[in-house]
Amino acid sequence: MLEINGPKAQIYFTNPHLPVSVDELRIHNLEVAGATADLLLIRHEYGVSVNVLRREGNVQILVAK
């Protein structure tokens, strides 16, 4: 699940997963509270990782598995 909290400037992933047919997902220019981020989600054998490719401004990126 992906949640965005604008007032707290947070991007929050809970137990990230991808559809079976998708091994990789890139998110470009995700804007939250005036900040932007580029993210890369990658499927691995035992789950999905969330990688921060770029972050400009004050935004927190949190992942809970």
PDB file of N, CA and C in Angstrom:
ATOM      1  N   MET A   1       0.837  -1.164   0.000  1.00  0.00           N
ATOM      2  CA  MET A   1       0.000   0.000   0.000  1.00  0.00           C
ATOM      3  C   MET A   1       0.898   1.248   0.000  1.00  0.00           C
ATOM      4  N   LEU A   2       0.488   2.245  -0.717  1.00  0.00           N
ATOM      5  CA  LEU A   2       1.170   3.530  -0.782  1.00  0.00           C
ATOM      6  C   LEU A   2       0.258   4.587  -0.174  1.00  0.00           C
ATOM      7  N   GLU A   3       0.793   5.323   0.805  1.00  0.00           N
ATOM      8  CA  GLU A   3       0.058   6.434   1.409  1.00  0.00           C
ATOM      9  C   GLU A   3       0.913   7.686   1.305  1.00  0.00           C
ATOM     10  N   ILE A   4       0.264   8.812   1.040  1.00  0.00           N
ATOM     11  CA  ILE A   4       0.957  10.095   0.986  1.00  0.00           C
ATOM     12  C   ILE A   4       0.295  11.019   1.998  1.00  0.00           C
ATOM     13  N   ASN A   5       1.120  11.576   2.873  1.00  0.00           N
ATOM     14  CA  ASN A   5       0.637  12.515   3.882  1.00  0.00           C
ATOM     15  C   ASN A   5       1.262  13.867   3.568  1.00  0.00           C
ATOM     16  N   GLY A   6       0.505  14.727   2.913  1.00  0.00           N
ATOM     17  CA  GLY A   6       0.995  16.041   2.512  1.00  0.00           C
ATOM     18  C   GLY A   6       1.397  16.920   3.678  1.00  0.00           C
ATOM     19  N   PRO A   7       0.553  17.078   4.712  1.00  0.00           N
ATOM     20  CA  PRO A   7       0.914  17.953   5.823  1.00  0.00           C
ATOM     21  C   PRO A   7       2.207  17.538   6.536  1.00  0.00           C
ATOM     22  N   LYS A   8       2.481  16.230   6.592  1.00  0.00           N
ATOM     23  CA  LYS A   8       3.707  15.744   7.237  1.00  0.00           C
ATOM     24  C   LYS A   8       4.850  15.541   6.244  1.00  0.00           C
ATOM     25  N   ALA A   9       4.592  15.765   4.955  1.00  0.00           N
ATOM     26  CA  ALA A   9       5.595  15.569   3.893  1.00  0.00           C
ATOM     27  C   ALA A   9       6.174  14.161   3.954  1.00  0.00           C
ATOM     28  N   GLN A  10       5.269  13.142   3.905  1.00  0.00           N
ATOM     29  CA  GLN A  10       5.693  11.751   3.988  1.00  0.00           C
ATOM     30  C   GLN A  10       5.106  10.920   2.850  1.00  0.00           C
ATOM     31  N   ILE A  11       5.942  10.031   2.339  1.00  0.00           N
ATOM     32  CA  ILE A  11       5.518   8.972   1.424  1.00  0.00           C
ATOM     33  C   ILE A  11       5.732   7.681   2.194  1.00  0.00           C
ATOM     34  N   TYR A  12       4.684   6.890   2.351  1.00  0.00           N
ATOM     35  CA  TYR A  12       4.738   5.734   3.233  1.00  0.00           C
ATOM     36  C   TYR A  12       4.287   4.482   2.492  1.00  0.00           C
ATOM     37  N   PHE A  13       5.170   3.495   2.398  1.00  0.00           N
ATOM     38  CA  PHE A  13       4.846   2.203   1.798  1.00  0.00           C
ATOM     39  C   PHE A  13       4.665   1.184   2.918  1.00  0.00           C
ATOM     40  N   THR A  14       3.539   0.474   2.910  1.00  0.00           N
ATOM     41  CA  THR A  14       3.298  -0.609   3.856  1.00  0.00           C
ATOM     42  C   THR A  14       3.249  -1.912   3.068  1.00  0.00           C
ATOM     43  N   ASN A  15       4.139  -2.834   3.395  1.00  0.00           N
ATOM     44  CA  ASN A  15       4.213  -4.129   2.717  1.00  0.00           C
ATOM     45  C   ASN A  15       4.147  -3.964   1.197  1.00  0.00           C
ATOM     46  N   PRO A  16       5.137  -3.274   0.613  1.00  0.00           N
ATOM     47  CA  PRO A  16       5.077  -3.025  -0.830  1.00  0.00           C
ATOM     48  C   PRO A  16       5.092  -4.326  -1.634  1.00  0.00           C
ATOM     49  N   HIS A  17       4.279  -4.363  -2.666  1.00  0.00           N
ATOM     50  CA  HIS A  17       4.250  -5.507  -3.571  1.00  0.00           C
ATOM     51  C   HIS A  17       3.902  -5.017  -4.967  1.00  0.00           C
ATOM     52  N   LEU A  18       4.218  -5.846  -5.950  1.00  0.00           N
ATOM     53  CA  LEU A  18       3.940  -5.536  -7.352  1.00  0.00           C
ATOM     54  C   LEU A  18       3.111  -6.663  -7.953  1.00  0.00           C
ATOM     55  N   PRO A  19       2.330  -6.380  -8.993  1.00  0.00           N
ATOM     56  CA  PRO A  19       1.621  -7.451  -9.688  1.00  0.00           C
ATOM     57  C   PRO A  19       2.614  -8.475 -10.237  1.00  0.00           C
ATOM     58  N   VAL A  20       2.173  -9.693 -10.381  1.00  0.00           N
ATOM     59  CA  VAL A  20       3.029 -10.787 -10.843  1.00  0.00           C
ATOM     60  C   VAL A  20       3.718 -10.447 -12.163  1.00  0.00           C
ATOM     61  N   SER A  21       3.051  -9.730 -13.041  1.00  0.00           N
ATOM     62  CA  SER A  21       3.599  -9.423 -14.369  1.00  0.00           C
ATOM     63  C   SER A  21       4.549  -8.227 -14.374  1.00  0.00           C
ATOM     64  N   VAL A  22       4.752  -7.578 -13.227  1.00  0.00           N
ATOM     65  CA  VAL A  22       5.597  -6.381 -13.153  1.00  0.00           C
ATOM     66  C   VAL A  22       6.781  -6.666 -12.230  1.00  0.00           C
ATOM     67  N   ASP A  23       8.003  -6.615 -12.780  1.00  0.00           N
ATOM     68  CA  ASP A  23       9.209  -6.845 -11.974  1.00  0.00           C
ATOM     69  C   ASP A  23       9.811  -5.554 -11.436  1.00  0.00           C
ATOM     70  N   GLU A  24       9.490  -4.439 -12.084  1.00  0.00           N
ATOM     71  CA  GLU A  24      10.097  -3.159 -11.726  1.00  0.00           C
ATOM     72  C   GLU A  24       9.109  -2.043 -12.028  1.00  0.00           C
ATOM     73  N   LEU A  25       9.048  -1.064 -11.134  1.00  0.00           N
ATOM     74  CA  LEU A  25       8.172   0.082 -11.326  1.00  0.00           C
ATOM     75  C   LEU A  25       8.930   1.345 -10.948  1.00  0.00           C
ATOM     76  N   ARG A  26       8.975   2.318 -11.862  1.00  0.00           N
ATOM     77  CA  ARG A  26       9.625   3.603 -11.602  1.00  0.00           C
ATOM     78  C   ARG A  26       8.562   4.677 -11.451  1.00  0.00           C
ATOM     79  N   ILE A  27       8.733   5.494 -10.451  1.00  0.00           N
ATOM     80  CA  ILE A  27       7.843   6.630 -10.216  1.00  0.00           C
ATOM     81  C   ILE A  27       8.711   7.881 -10.306  1.00  0.00           C
ATOM     82  N   HIS A  28       8.400   8.753 -11.260  1.00  0.00           N
ATOM     83  CA  HIS A  28       9.186   9.960 -11.484  1.00  0.00           C
ATOM     84  C   HIS A  28       8.417  11.198 -11.034  1.00  0.00           C
ATOM     85  N   ASN A  29       9.125  12.115 -10.400  1.00  0.00           N
ATOM     86  CA  ASN A  29       8.572  13.422 -10.025  1.00  0.00           C
ATOM     87  C   ASN A  29       7.320  13.328  -9.163  1.00  0.00           C
ATOM     88  N   LEU A  30       7.334  12.430  -8.198  1.00  0.00           N
ATOM     89  CA  LEU A  30       6.231  12.352  -7.245  1.00  0.00           C
ATOM     90  C   LEU A  30       6.338  13.564  -6.325  1.00  0.00           C
ATOM     91  N   GLU A  31       5.335  14.429  -6.364  1.00  0.00           N
ATOM     92  CA  GLU A  31       5.392  15.679  -5.608  1.00  0.00           C
ATOM     93  C   GLU A  31       4.562  15.578  -4.336  1.00  0.00           C
ATOM     94  N   VAL A  32       5.201  15.948  -3.219  1.00  0.00           N
ATOM     95  CA  VAL A  32       4.542  15.947  -1.915  1.00  0.00           C
ATOM     96  C   VAL A  32       4.998  17.183  -1.162  1.00  0.00           C
ATOM     97  N   ALA A  33       4.075  18.035  -0.816  1.00  0.00           N
ATOM     98  CA  ALA A  33       4.354  19.221   0.004  1.00  0.00           C
ATOM     99  C   ALA A  33       5.494  20.065  -0.571  1.00  0.00           C
ATOM    100  N   GLY A  34       5.518  20.237  -1.883  1.00  0.00           N
ATOM    101  CA  GLY A  34       6.531  21.062  -2.524  1.00  0.00           C
ATOM    102  C   GLY A  34       7.854  20.367  -2.773  1.00  0.00           C
ATOM    103  N   ALA A  35       8.007  19.137  -2.314  1.00  0.00           N
ATOM    104  CA  ALA A  35       9.212  18.346  -2.569  1.00  0.00           C
ATOM    105  C   ALA A  35       8.902  17.327  -3.656  1.00  0.00           C
ATOM    106  N   THR A  36       9.954  16.793  -4.314  1.00  0.00           N
ATOM    107  CA  THR A  36       9.744  15.773  -5.333  1.00  0.00           C
ATOM    108  C   THR A  36      10.693  14.602  -5.098  1.00  0.00           C
ATOM    109  N   ALA A  37      10.271  13.434  -5.579  1.00  0.00           N
ATOM    110  CA  ALA A  37      11.091  12.232  -5.443  1.00  0.00           C
ATOM    111  C   ALA A  37      10.905  11.342  -6.660  1.00  0.00           C
ATOM    112  N   ASP A  38      11.974  10.631  -7.014  1.00  0.00           N
ATOM    113  CA  ASP A  38      11.939   9.564  -8.005  1.00  0.00           C
ATOM    114  C   ASP A  38      12.196   8.269  -7.244  1.00  0.00           C
ATOM    115  N   LEU A  39      11.335   7.285  -7.438  1.00  0.00           N
ATOM    116  CA  LEU A  39      11.427   6.024  -6.714  1.00  0.00           C
ATOM    117  C   LEU A  39      11.493   4.855  -7.683  1.00  0.00           C
ATOM    118  N   LEU A  40      12.143   3.789  -7.256  1.00  0.00           N
ATOM    119  CA  LEU A  40      12.230   2.561  -8.044  1.00  0.00           C
ATOM    120  C   LEU A  40      11.851   1.398  -7.145  1.00  0.00           C
ATOM    121  N   LEU A  41      10.798   0.681  -7.513  1.00  0.00           N
ATOM    122  CA  LEU A  41      10.381  -0.514  -6.794  1.00  0.00           C
ATOM    123  C   LEU A  41      10.831  -1.725  -7.604  1.00  0.00           C
ATOM    124  N   ILE A  42      11.492  -2.667  -6.954  1.00  0.00           N
ATOM    125  CA  ILE A  42      12.037  -3.841  -7.640  1.00  0.00           C
ATOM    126  C   ILE A  42      11.583  -5.097  -6.915  1.00  0.00           C
ATOM    127  N   ARG A  43      11.081  -6.061  -7.710  1.00  0.00           N
ATOM    128  CA  ARG A  43      10.681  -7.352  -7.155  1.00  0.00           C
ATOM    129  C   ARG A  43      11.930  -8.200  -6.914  1.00  0.00           C
ATOM    130  N   HIS A  44      11.985  -8.825  -5.751  1.00  0.00           N
ATOM    131  CA  HIS A  44      13.032  -9.772  -5.400  1.00  0.00           C
ATOM    132  C   HIS A  44      12.350 -11.080  -5.033  1.00  0.00           C
ATOM    133  N   GLU A  45      13.132 -12.100  -4.820  1.00  0.00           N
ATOM    134  CA  GLU A  45      12.566 -13.411  -4.512  1.00  0.00           C
ATOM    135  C   GLU A  45      11.643 -13.374  -3.291  1.00  0.00           C
ATOM    136  N   TYR A  46      12.001 -12.560  -2.290  1.00  0.00           N
ATOM    137  CA  TYR A  46      11.229 -12.548  -1.050  1.00  0.00           C
ATOM    138  C   TYR A  46      10.562 -11.215  -0.749  1.00  0.00           C
ATOM    139  N   GLY A  47      10.296 -10.418  -1.761  1.00  0.00           N
ATOM    140  CA  GLY A  47       9.611  -9.162  -1.512  1.00  0.00           C
ATOM    141  C   GLY A  47       9.956  -8.096  -2.536  1.00  0.00           C
ATOM    142  N   VAL A  48       9.605  -6.875  -2.214  1.00  0.00           N
ATOM    143  CA  VAL A  48       9.819  -5.731  -3.103  1.00  0.00           C
ATOM    144  C   VAL A  48      10.618  -4.679  -2.338  1.00  0.00           C
ATOM    145  N   SER A  49      11.677  -4.169  -2.977  1.00  0.00           N
ATOM    146  CA  SER A  49      12.458  -3.095  -2.372  1.00  0.00           C
ATOM    147  C   SER A  49      11.998  -1.760  -2.931  1.00  0.00           C
ATOM    148  N   VAL A  50      12.158  -0.711  -2.127  1.00  0.00           N
ATOM    149  CA  VAL A  50      11.847   0.656  -2.533  1.00  0.00           C
ATOM    150  C   VAL A  50      13.157   1.431  -2.493  1.00  0.00           C
ATOM    151  N   ASN A  51      13.600   1.904  -3.644  1.00  0.00           N
ATOM    152  CA  ASN A  51      14.858   2.638  -3.759  1.00  0.00           C
ATOM    153  C   ASN A  51      14.573   4.094  -4.105  1.00  0.00           C
ATOM    154  N   VAL A  52      15.236   4.996  -3.421  1.00  0.00           N
ATOM    155  CA  VAL A  52      15.103   6.424  -3.693  1.00  0.00           C
ATOM    156  C   VAL A  52      16.187   6.809  -4.691  1.00  0.00           C
ATOM    157  N   LEU A  53      15.770   7.175  -5.895  1.00  0.00           N
ATOM    158  CA  LEU A  53      16.711   7.569  -6.935  1.00  0.00           C
ATOM    159  C   LEU A  53      17.067   9.042  -6.845  1.00  0.00           C
ATOM    160  N   ARG A  54      16.080   9.852  -6.434  1.00  0.00           N
ATOM    161  CA  ARG A  54      16.296  11.298  -6.326  1.00  0.00           C
ATOM    162  C   ARG A  54      15.286  11.853  -5.340  1.00  0.00           C
ATOM    163  N   ARG A  55      15.760  12.799  -4.540  1.00  0.00           N
ATOM    164  CA  ARG A  55      14.861  13.488  -3.614  1.00  0.00           C
ATOM    165  C   ARG A  55      15.291  14.951  -3.571  1.00  0.00           C
ATOM    166  N   GLU A  56      14.348  15.835  -3.825  1.00  0.00           N
ATOM    167  CA  GLU A  56      14.603  17.278  -3.748  1.00  0.00           C
ATOM    168  C   GLU A  56      13.579  17.875  -2.798  1.00  0.00           C
ATOM    169  N   GLY A  57      14.083  18.533  -1.774  1.00  0.00           N
ATOM    170  CA  GLY A  57      13.192  19.114  -0.786  1.00  0.00           C
ATOM    171  C   GLY A  57      13.077  18.224   0.429  1.00  0.00           C
ATOM    172  N   ASN A  58      12.188  18.609   1.316  1.00  0.00           N
ATOM    173  CA  ASN A  58      12.046  17.934   2.602  1.00  0.00           C
ATOM    174  C   ASN A  58      10.863  16.974   2.548  1.00  0.00           C
ATOM    175  N   VAL A  59      11.124  15.739   2.153  1.00  0.00           N
ATOM    176  CA  VAL A  59      10.088  14.701   2.153  1.00  0.00           C
ATOM    177  C   VAL A  59      10.695  13.425   2.742  1.00  0.00           C
ATOM    178  N   GLN A  60       9.939  12.757   3.606  1.00  0.00           N
ATOM    179  CA  GLN A  60      10.369  11.499   4.184  1.00  0.00           C
ATOM    180  C   GLN A  60       9.782  10.362   3.370  1.00  0.00           C
ATOM    181  N   ILE A  61      10.589   9.325   3.134  1.00  0.00           N
ATOM    182  CA  ILE A  61      10.125   8.131   2.446  1.00  0.00           C
ATOM    183  C   ILE A  61      10.306   6.979   3.416  1.00  0.00           C
ATOM    184  N   LEU A  62       9.191   6.397   3.823  1.00  0.00           N
ATOM    185  CA  LEU A  62       9.171   5.367   4.861  1.00  0.00           C
ATOM    186  C   LEU A  62       8.650   4.067   4.282  1.00  0.00           C
ATOM    187  N   VAL A  63       9.258   2.951   4.705  1.00  0.00           N
ATOM    188  CA  VAL A  63       8.842   1.628   4.246  1.00  0.00           C
ATOM    189  C   VAL A  63       8.694   0.719   5.460  1.00  0.00           C
ATOM    190  N   ALA A  64       7.530   0.069   5.578  1.00  0.00           N
ATOM    191  CA  ALA A  64       7.280  -0.915   6.630  1.00  0.00           C
ATOM    192  C   ALA A  64       6.933  -2.239   5.979  1.00  0.00           C
ATOM    193  N   LYS A  65       7.632  -3.284   6.381  1.00  0.00           N
ATOM    194  CA  LYS A  65       7.366  -4.616   5.810  1.00  0.00           C
ATOM    195  C   LYS A  65       6.828  -5.544   6.871  1.00  0.00           C
TER     196      LYS A  65
END
